[in-house]
Protein backbone atom coordinates (compact mmCIF):
# COMPACT_ATOMS: atom_id res chain seq x y z
CA MET A 1 0.21 0.66 0.01
CA SER A 2 1.68 3.79 -0.76
CA LEU A 3 0.12 6.52 0.80
CA GLY A 4 1.73 8.92 -2.64
CA LYS A 5 4.56 10.55 -0.05
CA GLU A 6 7.43 9.77 0.25
CA ALA A 7 9.30 10.02 3.94
CA ARG A 8 11.85 11.91 4.01
CA LEU A 9 15.00 11.22 5.67
CA GLU A 10 16.42 13.26 8.24
CA GLU A 11 20.29 14.75 7.44
CA VAL A 12 22.85 13.42 9.69
CA VAL A 13 24.73 16.53 10.40
CA ARG A 14 28.51 15.55 12.70
CA VAL A 15 29.33 17.87 15.17
CA LYS A 16 32.79 18.15 17.04
CA LEU A 17 31.85 18.65 20.74
CA LYS A 18 34.11 20.43 24.21
CA PHE A 19 32.25 18.52 27.82
CA ASN A 20 33.45 19.92 30.98
CA LYS A 21 34.45 17.23 32.83
CA LYS A 22 31.48 18.29 35.45
CA ALA A 23 29.26 16.84 32.74
CA ALA A 24 31.48 12.70 31.76
CA PHE A 25 29.44 10.95 33.36
CA ARG A 26 27.01 11.55 30.64
CA VAL A 27 29.00 11.66 27.72
CA TYR A 28 29.55 8.02 28.55
CA ASP A 29 26.64 6.64 29.48
CA GLU A 30 25.01 8.89 26.37
CA LEU A 31 27.74 8.67 23.42
CA ASP A 32 28.57 5.71 21.62
CA CYS A 33 31.45 6.83 20.34
CA PRO A 34 34.81 7.72 20.99
CA VAL A 35 35.46 9.81 23.54
CA LYS A 36 39.31 11.83 24.36
CA GLU A 37 40.48 13.53 27.56
CA ASP A 38 42.79 16.38 28.31
CA GLU A 39 44.71 17.25 30.58
CA GLN A 40 42.67 19.53 32.42
CA GLY A 41 39.39 16.30 32.08
CA ASN A 42 37.97 17.92 29.02
CA LEU A 43 36.52 15.70 26.51
CA TYR A 44 36.23 15.36 22.92
CA ALA A 45 33.71 13.65 21.18
CA GLU A 46 32.07 13.53 17.90
CA ILE A 47 27.98 12.87 17.27
CA GLU A 48 25.94 12.43 14.14
CA ILE A 49 23.20 13.28 15.00
CA PRO A 50 19.68 14.36 12.77
CA ASN A 51 19.80 17.82 12.08
CA ASP A 52 17.18 19.46 13.63
CA TYR A 53 14.99 20.68 16.99
CA SER A 54 16.50 17.82 18.69
CA LEU A 55 19.99 17.96 18.10
CA TYR A 56 19.49 22.20 19.47
CA CYS A 57 17.98 20.69 22.16
CA TYR A 58 20.17 17.77 22.54
CA ILE A 59 23.43 20.26 22.96
CA LEU A 60 21.40 22.82 25.48
CA SER A 61 20.28 19.81 27.89
CA PHE A 62 24.73 20.41 28.57
CA GLY A 63 23.80 23.62 29.66
CA ASP A 64 27.50 25.94 30.08
CA ASN A 65 28.92 22.33 30.46
CA VAL A 66 29.73 21.77 26.42
CA GLU A 67 31.00 23.59 24.18
CA VAL A 68 30.07 22.69 19.98
CA LEU A 69 33.56 23.14 18.26
CA GLU A 70 32.67 22.02 15.07
CA PRO A 71 30.76 22.46 12.22
CA THR A 72 30.96 26.48 12.68
CA LYS A 73 27.09 27.47 11.11
CA ILE A 74 25.52 25.24 13.93
CA ARG A 75 27.72 26.75 16.41
CA GLU A 76 27.29 30.67 15.39
CA GLN A 77 23.01 28.86 16.16
CA ILE A 78 23.76 27.86 19.41
CA THR A 79 25.60 31.42 20.28
CA GLU A 80 22.89 33.44 18.90
CA ILE A 81 20.33 31.19 21.55
CA GLU A 82 22.85 31.93 23.94
CA ARG A 83 22.08 35.59 23.06
CA MET A 84 18.37 35.73 23.15
CA ALA A 85 19.05 34.39 26.25
CA ARG A 86 20.21 36.38 28.45
CA LYS A 87 17.48 39.16 27.29
CA TYR A 88 16.09 37.57 30.12
CA LYS A 89 18.35 37.99 32.59
CA ASN A 90 18.18 39.23 35.60
């Protein structure tokens, strides 16, 4: 049976992230990819995730314990979200 519509495949993007060591428990519990650690205990990982609303929700769920390193476009969009959020701080 065909409904006449093709399922749209979500675009997947590879995102390079830097996590504060405070988020280590989540990084190791949730991510199924190689994780590297630097001398300060920061963690680095590359994840593949659909390039949609869930990408931003997931990244923002780490609060200030994550930094998007690449791609630049997503890094800039997260920066814009942070800039907008400052309007609501006292």
